[in-house]
C-alpha atoms as a PDB file:
ATOM      1  CA  MET A   1    -142.049 219.567 153.350  1.00  0.00           C
ATOM      2  CA  ARG A   2    -142.207 216.813 150.675  1.00  0.00           C
ATOM      3  CA  SER A   3    -144.187 219.027 148.325  1.00  0.00           C
ATOM      4  CA  VAL A   4    -141.692 221.863 148.645  1.00  0.00           C
ATOM      5  CA  SER A   5    -138.881 219.487 147.874  1.00  0.00           C
ATOM      6  CA  ASN A   6    -140.629 218.316 144.784  1.00  0.00           C
ATOM      7  CA  ARG A   7    -141.121 221.950 143.565  1.00  0.00           C
ATOM      8  CA  ASN A   8    -137.486 222.627 144.148  1.00  0.00           C
ATOM      9  CA  ASN A   9    -136.472 219.586 142.176  1.00  0.00           C
ATOM     10  CA  SER A  10    -138.797 220.614 139.337  1.00  0.00           C
ATOM     11  CA  SER A  11    -137.315 224.132 139.276  1.00  0.00           C
ATOM     12  CA  SER A  12    -133.850 222.761 139.281  1.00  0.00           C
ATOM     13  CA  SER A  13    -134.666 220.589 136.327  1.00  0.00           C
ATOM     14  CA  VAL A  14    -136.006 223.506 134.333  1.00  0.00           C
ATOM     15  CA  ILE A  15    -132.855 225.550 135.090  1.00  0.00           C
ATOM     16  CA  THR A  16    -130.580 222.704 134.018  1.00  0.00           C
ATOM     17  CA  SER A  17    -132.430 222.232 130.758  1.00  0.00           C
ATOM     18  CA  SER A  18    -132.384 225.969 130.117  1.00  0.00           C
ATOM     19  CA  THR A  19    -128.617 226.278 130.684  1.00  0.00           C
ATOM     20  CA  THR A  20    -127.718 223.404 128.432  1.00  0.00           C
ATOM     21  CA  GLY A  21    -129.011 225.349 125.417  1.00  0.00           C
ATOM     22  CA  LYS A  22    -130.787 222.310 123.945  1.00  0.00           C
ATOM     23  CA  ASN A  23    -134.338 222.668 122.782  1.00  0.00           C
ATOM     24  CA  THR A  24    -136.324 219.465 122.790  1.00  0.00           C
ATOM     25  CA  ASN A  25    -139.611 218.435 121.317  1.00  0.00           C
ATOM     26  CA  SER A  26    -141.674 216.915 124.088  1.00  0.00           C
ATOM     27  CA  SER A  27    -143.677 214.708 121.794  1.00  0.00           C
ATOM     28  CA  SER A  28    -140.807 213.232 119.769  1.00  0.00           C
ATOM     29  CA  GLY A  29    -137.964 213.671 122.200  1.00  0.00           C
ATOM     30  CA  LEU A  30    -135.823 215.037 119.323  1.00  0.00           C
ATOM     31  CA  SER A  31    -133.955 218.304 119.370  1.00  0.00           C
ATOM     32  CA  SER A  32    -134.529 221.020 116.767  1.00  0.00           C
ATOM     33  CA  SER A  33    -131.428 220.065 114.829  1.00  0.00           C
ATOM     34  CA  GLN A  34    -132.490 216.436 114.794  1.00  0.00           C
ATOM     35  CA  LEU A  35    -135.919 217.351 113.522  1.00  0.00           C
ATOM     36  CA  SER A  36    -134.375 219.464 110.815  1.00  0.00           C
ATOM     37  CA  ASN A  37    -132.136 216.712 109.685  1.00  0.00           C
ATOM     38  CA  LYS A  38    -135.122 214.317 109.649  1.00  0.00           C
ATOM     39  CA  ASN A  39    -137.216 216.723 107.578  1.00  0.00           C
ATOM     40  CA  SER A  40    -134.314 217.268 105.141  1.00  0.00           C
ATOM     41  CA  SER A  41    -133.962 213.425 104.686  1.00  0.00           C
ATOM     42  CA  THR A  42    -137.746 213.129 104.035  1.00  0.00           C
ATOM     43  CA  SER A  43    -137.586 215.959 101.531  1.00  0.00           C
ATOM     44  CA  SER A  44    -134.592 214.488  99.801  1.00  0.00           C
ATOM     45  CA  ALA A  45    -136.243 211.058  99.572  1.00  0.00           C
ATOM     46  CA  SER A  46    -139.404 212.652  98.169  1.00  0.00           C
ATOM     47  CA  GLY A  47    -137.371 214.602  95.590  1.00  0.00           C
ATOM     48  CA  THR A  48    -135.567 211.448  94.470  1.00  0.00           C
ATOM     49  CA  LEU A  49    -138.914 209.635  94.115  1.00  0.00           C
ATOM     50  CA  ASN A  50    -140.407 212.471  92.049  1.00  0.00           C
ATOM     51  CA  ALA A  51    -137.248 212.608  89.832  1.00  0.00           C
ATOM     52  CA  ALA A  52    -137.435 208.812  89.183  1.00  0.00           C
ATOM     53  CA  LYS A  53    -141.183 209.130  88.416  1.00  0.00           C
ATOM     54  CA  ILE A  54    -140.560 212.000  86.045  1.00  0.00           C
ATOM     55  CA  ALA A  55    -137.825 210.053  84.290  1.00  0.00           C
ATOM     56  CA  GLN A  56    -140.052 207.062  83.952  1.00  0.00           C
ATOM     57  CA  MET A  57    -142.907 209.078  82.570  1.00  0.00           C
ATOM     58  CA  ARG A  58    -140.581 210.774  80.067  1.00  0.00           C
ATOM     59  CA  THR A  59    -139.398 207.290  78.891  1.00  0.00           C
ATOM     60  CA  SER A  60    -142.986 205.976  78.527  1.00  0.00           C
ATOM     61  CA  TYR A  61    -144.310 209.102  76.669  1.00  0.00           C
ATOM     62  CA  THR A  62    -141.268 209.184  74.376  1.00  0.00           C
ATOM     63  CA  ALA A  63    -141.907 205.494  73.446  1.00  0.00           C
ATOM     64  CA  ILE A  64    -145.644 206.291  72.937  1.00  0.00           C
ATOM     65  CA  LYS A  65    -144.911 209.210  70.644  1.00  0.00           C
ATOM     66  CA  LYS A  66    -142.452 207.249  68.529  1.00  0.00           C
ATOM     67  CA  ALA A  67    -144.624 204.101  68.306  1.00  0.00           C
ATOM     68  CA  ALA A  68    -147.812 206.156  67.501  1.00  0.00           C
ATOM     69  CA  ASP A  69    -145.974 207.995  64.724  1.00  0.00           C
ATOM     70  CA  GLY A  70    -144.525 204.845  63.298  1.00  0.00           C
ATOM     71  CA  LEU A  71    -147.940 203.144  63.384  1.00  0.00           C
ATOM     72  CA  GLN A  72    -149.413 205.932  61.321  1.00  0.00           C
ATOM     73  CA  THR A  73    -146.558 205.725  58.787  1.00  0.00           C
ATOM     74  CA  HIS A  74    -147.110 201.959  58.286  1.00  0.00           C
ATOM     75  CA  ALA A  75    -150.884 202.488  58.107  1.00  0.00           C
ATOM     76  CA  ASP A  76    -150.461 205.134  55.364  1.00  0.00           C
ATOM     77  CA  LYS A  77    -148.506 202.669  53.240  1.00  0.00           C
ATOM     78  CA  LEU A  78    -151.019 199.889  53.839  1.00  0.00           C
ATOM     79  CA  LEU A  79    -154.014 202.074  53.075  1.00  0.00           C
ATOM     80  CA  ALA A  80    -152.548 203.413  49.855  1.00  0.00           C
ATOM     81  CA  THR A  81    -154.406 202.305  46.726  1.00  0.00           C
ATOM     82  CA  GLY A  82    -153.457 201.548  43.096  1.00  0.00           C
ATOM     83  CA  ASN A  83    -151.324 198.952  41.306  1.00  0.00           C
ATOM     84  CA  ASP A  84    -148.108 200.418  42.783  1.00  0.00           C
ATOM     85  CA  SER A  85    -149.390 200.096  46.397  1.00  0.00           C
ATOM     86  CA  LEU A  86    -148.392 197.296  48.726  1.00  0.00           C
ATOM     87  CA  PHE A  87    -151.635 195.514  48.275  1.00  0.00           C
ATOM     88  CA  GLY A  88    -151.710 196.278  44.565  1.00  0.00           C
ATOM     89  CA  LYS A  89    -148.312 194.654  43.949  1.00  0.00           C
ATOM     90  CA  ALA A  90    -149.260 191.619  46.069  1.00  0.00           C
ATOM     91  CA  SER A  91    -152.595 191.058  44.434  1.00  0.00           C
ATOM     92  CA  PRO A  92    -152.583 188.266  41.742  1.00  0.00           C
ATOM     93  CA  GLU A  93    -155.594 189.829  39.998  1.00  0.00           C
ATOM     94  CA  SER A  94    -153.838 193.203  39.377  1.00  0.00           C
ATOM     95  CA  THR A  95    -150.315 191.763  38.691  1.00  0.00           C
ATOM     96  CA  SER A  96    -150.866 188.959  36.319  1.00  0.00           C
ATOM     97  CA  SER A  97    -147.732 189.832  34.430  1.00  0.00           C
ATOM     98  CA  LEU A  98    -145.521 189.108  37.466  1.00  0.00           C
ATOM     99  CA  THR A  99    -143.805 185.867  38.083  1.00  0.00           C
ATOM    100  CA  ASP A 100    -144.648 183.679  41.127  1.00  0.00           C
ATOM    101  CA  ALA A 101    -141.224 184.716  42.629  1.00  0.00           C
ATOM    102  CA  GLU A 102    -142.069 188.434  42.201  1.00  0.00           C
ATOM    103  CA  LEU A 103    -145.463 187.933  43.725  1.00  0.00           C
ATOM    104  CA  THR A 104    -144.005 186.061  46.663  1.00  0.00           C
ATOM    105  CA  LYS A 105    -141.465 188.833  47.272  1.00  0.00           C
ATOM    106  CA  ASN A 106    -144.253 191.465  47.114  1.00  0.00           C
ATOM    107  CA  LYS A 107    -146.409 189.417  49.495  1.00  0.00           C
ATOM    108  CA  ASP A 108    -143.420 189.196  51.883  1.00  0.00           C
ATOM    109  CA  ASN A 109    -143.082 193.072  51.757  1.00  0.00           C
ATOM    110  CA  LEU A 110    -146.725 193.387  52.582  1.00  0.00           C
ATOM    111  CA  VAL A 111    -146.521 190.998  55.549  1.00  0.00           C
ATOM    112  CA  LYS A 112    -143.383 192.796  56.782  1.00  0.00           C
ATOM    113  CA  GLU A 113    -145.258 196.122  56.793  1.00  0.00           C
ATOM    114  CA  ILE A 114    -148.238 194.713  58.669  1.00  0.00           C
ATOM    115  CA  SER A 115    -145.851 193.088  61.201  1.00  0.00           C
ATOM    116  CA  SER A 116    -144.139 196.484  61.682  1.00  0.00           C
ATOM    117  CA  LEU A 117    -147.517 198.126  62.339  1.00  0.00           C
ATOM    118  CA  ILE A 118    -148.345 195.485  64.887  1.00  0.00           C
ATOM    119  CA  ASP A 119    -144.961 195.943  66.592  1.00  0.00           C
ATOM    120  CA  ASP A 120    -145.625 199.662  66.965  1.00  0.00           C
ATOM    121  CA  TYR A 121    -149.139 198.973  68.152  1.00  0.00           C
ATOM    122  CA  ASN A 122    -147.812 196.679  70.878  1.00  0.00           C
ATOM    123  CA  THR A 123    -145.095 199.229  71.950  1.00  0.00           C
ATOM    124  CA  MET A 124    -147.795 201.957  72.119  1.00  0.00           C
ATOM    125  CA  VAL A 125    -150.221 199.724  74.173  1.00  0.00           C
ATOM    126  CA  LYS A 126    -147.494 198.644  76.640  1.00  0.00           C
ATOM    127  CA  ASN A 127    -146.257 202.168  77.340  1.00  0.00           C
ATOM    128  CA  MET A 128    -149.758 203.659  77.561  1.00  0.00           C
ATOM    129  CA  LYS A 129    -150.474 201.123  80.278  1.00  0.00           C
ATOM    130  CA  THR A 130    -147.132 201.964  82.073  1.00  0.00           C
ATOM    131  CA  ALA A 131    -147.835 205.714  81.871  1.00  0.00           C
ATOM    132  CA  GLY A 132    -151.362 205.445  83.157  1.00  0.00           C
ATOM    133  CA  GLY A 133    -153.657 208.390  83.563  1.00  0.00           C
ATOM    134  CA  THR A 134    -157.282 209.075  82.604  1.00  0.00           C
ATOM    135  CA  LEU A 135    -156.639 209.776  78.871  1.00  0.00           C
ATOM    136  CA  ASN A 136    -154.191 206.975  78.350  1.00  0.00           C
ATOM    137  CA  ASN A 137    -156.654 204.559  79.926  1.00  0.00           C
ATOM    138  CA  LEU A 138    -159.435 205.882  77.725  1.00  0.00           C
ATOM    139  CA  TYR A 139    -157.365 205.587  74.515  1.00  0.00           C
ATOM    140  CA  LEU A 140    -156.101 202.180  75.597  1.00  0.00           C
ATOM    141  CA  LYS A 141    -159.648 200.981  76.084  1.00  0.00           C
ATOM    142  CA  GLN A 142    -160.530 202.293  72.574  1.00  0.00           C
ATOM    143  CA  VAL A 143    -157.635 200.699  70.618  1.00  0.00           C
ATOM    144  CA  LYS A 144    -158.093 197.425  72.430  1.00  0.00           C
ATOM    145  CA  GLY A 145    -161.770 197.676  71.436  1.00  0.00           C
ATOM    146  CA  PHE A 146    -160.826 197.959  67.752  1.00  0.00           C
ATOM    147  CA  ALA A 147    -158.805 194.763  68.031  1.00  0.00           C
ATOM    148  CA  THR A 148    -161.693 192.946  69.885  1.00  0.00           C
ATOM    149  CA  ALA A 149    -164.124 194.022  67.227  1.00  0.00           C
ATOM    150  CA  SER A 150    -161.809 192.571  64.526  1.00  0.00           C
ATOM    151  CA  GLN A 151    -160.898 189.530  66.501  1.00  0.00           C
ATOM    152  CA  SER A 152    -162.314 186.988  64.150  1.00  0.00           C
ATOM    153  CA  ALA A 153    -160.819 188.539  60.997  1.00  0.00           C
ATOM    154  CA  LEU A 154    -157.480 189.000  62.791  1.00  0.00           C
ATOM    155  CA  LYS A 155    -157.404 185.322  63.830  1.00  0.00           C
ATOM    156  CA  GLU A 156    -157.970 184.145  60.263  1.00  0.00           C
ATOM    157  CA  ILE A 157    -154.724 185.851  59.148  1.00  0.00           C
ATOM    158  CA  GLY A 158    -152.624 184.685  62.140  1.00  0.00           C
ATOM    159  CA  VAL A 159    -153.109 187.601  64.534  1.00  0.00           C
ATOM    160  CA  LYS A 160    -154.283 186.978  68.128  1.00  0.00           C
ATOM    161  CA  GLN A 161    -155.177 189.465  70.846  1.00  0.00           C
ATOM    162  CA  LYS A 162    -153.526 188.602  74.166  1.00  0.00           C
ATOM    163  CA  SER A 163    -154.906 189.289  77.634  1.00  0.00           C
ATOM    164  CA  ASP A 164    -152.770 192.408  78.006  1.00  0.00           C
ATOM    165  CA  GLY A 165    -154.177 193.917  74.832  1.00  0.00           C
ATOM    166  CA  THR A 166    -151.028 193.428  72.686  1.00  0.00           C
ATOM    167  CA  LEU A 167    -151.222 191.338  69.512  1.00  0.00           C
ATOM    168  CA  SER A 168    -149.238 188.254  68.625  1.00  0.00           C
ATOM    169  CA  VAL A 169    -148.498 187.212  64.968  1.00  0.00           C
ATOM    170  CA  THR A 170    -148.070 183.736  63.559  1.00  0.00           C
ATOM    171  CA  GLN A 171    -145.931 184.559  60.510  1.00  0.00           C
ATOM    172  CA  LYS A 172    -146.566 181.297  58.706  1.00  0.00           C
ATOM    173  CA  THR A 173    -150.362 181.753  58.885  1.00  0.00           C
ATOM    174  CA  MET A 174    -150.157 185.406  57.779  1.00  0.00           C
ATOM    175  CA  LYS A 175    -147.906 184.652  54.797  1.00  0.00           C
ATOM    176  CA  SER A 176    -150.250 181.881  53.632  1.00  0.00           C
ATOM    177  CA  ALA A 177    -153.406 184.113  54.032  1.00  0.00           C
ATOM    178  CA  ASP A 178    -155.132 185.425  50.995  1.00  0.00           C
ATOM    179  CA  THR A 179    -154.172 188.978  50.165  1.00  0.00           C
ATOM    180  CA  GLU A 180    -157.858 189.917  50.078  1.00  0.00           C
ATOM    181  CA  ASP A 181    -158.254 188.792  53.722  1.00  0.00           C
ATOM    182  CA  LEU A 182    -155.218 190.782  54.789  1.00  0.00           C
ATOM    183  CA  GLN A 183    -156.658 193.806  52.968  1.00  0.00           C
ATOM    184  CA  LYS A 184    -159.938 193.620  54.851  1.00  0.00           C
ATOM    185  CA  VAL A 185    -158.136 194.114  58.116  1.00  0.00           C
ATOM    186  CA  PHE A 186    -155.136 196.314  57.064  1.00  0.00           C
ATOM    187  CA  GLY A 187    -156.019 197.905  53.776  1.00  0.00           C
ATOM    188  CA  MET A 188    -159.551 199.273  53.815  1.00  0.00           C
ATOM    189  CA  LYS A 189    -160.814 202.728  54.871  1.00  0.00           C
ATOM    190  CA  ASP A 190    -162.902 201.316  57.684  1.00  0.00           C
ATOM    191  CA  SER A 191    -160.455 198.544  58.626  1.00  0.00           C
ATOM    192  CA  PHE A 192    -158.696 197.878  61.920  1.00  0.00           C
ATOM    193  CA  ALA A 193    -155.549 199.557  60.648  1.00  0.00           C
ATOM    194  CA  ALA A 194    -157.446 202.704  59.634  1.00  0.00           C
ATOM    195  CA  LYS A 195    -159.243 202.952  62.980  1.00  0.00           C
ATOM    196  CA  VAL A 196    -156.017 202.394  65.009  1.00  0.00           C
ATOM    197  CA  SER A 197    -154.112 204.863  62.881  1.00  0.00           C
ATOM    198  CA  ALA A 198    -156.688 207.600  63.433  1.00  0.00           C
ATOM    199  CA  LYS A 199    -156.666 206.975  67.196  1.00  0.00           C
ATOM    200  CA  SER A 200    -152.882 206.818  67.355  1.00  0.00           C
ATOM    201  CA  ALA A 201    -152.698 210.418  66.046  1.00  0.00           C
ATOM    202  CA  THR A 202    -154.666 211.533  69.169  1.00  0.00           C
ATOM    203  CA  VAL A 203    -152.438 209.341  71.366  1.00  0.00           C
ATOM    204  CA  GLU A 204    -149.354 210.967  69.875  1.00  0.00           C
ATOM    205  CA  SER A 205    -150.710 214.437  70.405  1.00  0.00           C
ATOM    206  CA  ASN A 206    -151.319 213.622  74.107  1.00  0.00           C
ATOM    207  CA  ALA A 207    -147.813 212.260  74.426  1.00  0.00           C
ATOM    208  CA  VAL A 208    -146.286 215.410  72.915  1.00  0.00           C
ATOM    209  CA  THR A 209    -148.269 217.672  75.366  1.00  0.00           C
ATOM    210  CA  ALA A 210    -147.273 215.483  78.283  1.00  0.00           C
ATOM    211  CA  LEU A 211    -143.624 215.537  77.303  1.00  0.00           C
ATOM    212  CA  LYS A 212    -143.605 219.337  77.047  1.00  0.00           C
ATOM    213  CA  SER A 213    -144.864 219.577  80.582  1.00  0.00           C
ATOM    214  CA  LEU A 214    -142.565 216.889  81.970  1.00  0.00           C
ATOM    215  CA  ASN A 215    -139.515 218.467  80.334  1.00  0.00           C
ATOM    216  CA  GLY A 216    -140.281 221.639  82.110  1.00  0.00           C
ATOM    217  CA  SER A 217    -140.390 220.078  85.537  1.00  0.00           C
ATOM    218  CA  ASN A 218    -137.550 220.020  88.069  1.00  0.00           C
ATOM    219  CA  SER A 219    -136.335 217.171  90.248  1.00  0.00           C
ATOM    220  CA  SER A 220    -138.840 217.857  92.915  1.00  0.00           C
ATOM    221  CA  GLY A 221    -141.692 217.307  90.526  1.00  0.00           C
ATOM    222  CA  TYR A 222    -142.693 220.954  90.047  1.00  0.00           C
ATOM    223  CA  ASN A 223    -142.597 223.432  87.247  1.00  0.00           C
ATOM    224  CA  LYS A 224    -144.608 226.549  86.413  1.00  0.00           C
ATOM    225  CA  TYR A 225    -147.728 224.280  85.923  1.00  0.00           C
ATOM    226  CA  GLY A 226    -147.520 222.880  89.445  1.00  0.00           C
ATOM    227  CA  SER A 227    -146.896 219.425  90.856  1.00  0.00           C
ATOM    228  CA  LEU A 228    -146.211 216.310  88.859  1.00  0.00           C
ATOM    229  CA  THR A 229    -149.862 215.213  89.232  1.00  0.00           C
ATOM    230  CA  ASP A 230    -151.080 218.645  88.204  1.00  0.00           C
ATOM    231  CA  ILE A 231    -148.733 218.605  85.187  1.00  0.00           C
ATOM    232  CA  LEU A 232    -150.177 215.456  83.773  1.00  0.00           C
ATOM    233  CA  ALA A 233    -153.748 216.439  84.576  1.00  0.00           C
ATOM    234  CA  SER A 234    -153.152 219.728  82.866  1.00  0.00           C
ATOM    235  CA  SER A 235    -151.827 217.976  79.843  1.00  0.00           C
ATOM    236  CA  GLY A 236    -154.868 215.895  79.557  1.00  0.00           C
ATOM    237  CA  ASN A 237    -157.320 218.726  80.068  1.00  0.00           C
ATOM    238  CA  ARG A 238    -155.798 220.562  77.047  1.00  0.00           C
ATOM    239  CA  LEU A 239    -156.853 217.739  74.830  1.00  0.00           C
ATOM    240  CA  ASN A 240    -160.153 216.568  73.508  1.00  0.00           C
ATOM    241  CA  SER A 241    -160.898 213.283  75.387  1.00  0.00           C
ATOM    242  CA  LYS A 242    -163.340 212.367  72.639  1.00  0.00           C
ATOM    243  CA  GLY A 243    -160.682 212.550  69.991  1.00  0.00           C
END
């Protein structure tokens, strides 16, 4: 009789559950509507995260593009030759007719241009590190390698490479350095400035490609190219990593 009673209770429980019209998930104990709300919240949080990530990436790549372009502009001025170039005007040998005051002014203009190049170099390095990715890490390693290779020459003119790869400048040391020593690092065809400028052109190209993909993605992190990860991977694959 006890077993029959248990079966009846079980049947009654099933009927009661059926008549209430509430569907439950036996594993979570949540109704369908509760599960739906939970999934919606998760999806919303994921979309917000992707949107924030996309915004951050846009900011980083925009800064990289601007800094790389600026670096090349400064390098072009420093690498120019002739008496009317920055180094030409600051060189006592080629400007013997100038007064000491004029030479000092020209030297200051030269140092200012070098400092501006270093500022753009630092901005590019910092944002490449923030953006991350295979290509950025590769380019970052290469530009930092240029600085390491020129570390001794840089130090002599007041430039020091910090642990994060950026460069610090002691203005007093740079202003008092011989123009010839400055030119070896920032005014020769095979100098630090020339190598960094050439690499920054590739860095800029990568940033432009990444921005095109990012600007086409929606708040969920997708566009016609796929997910956020796929977008950035696709951007990198369209470039020559040896560049």
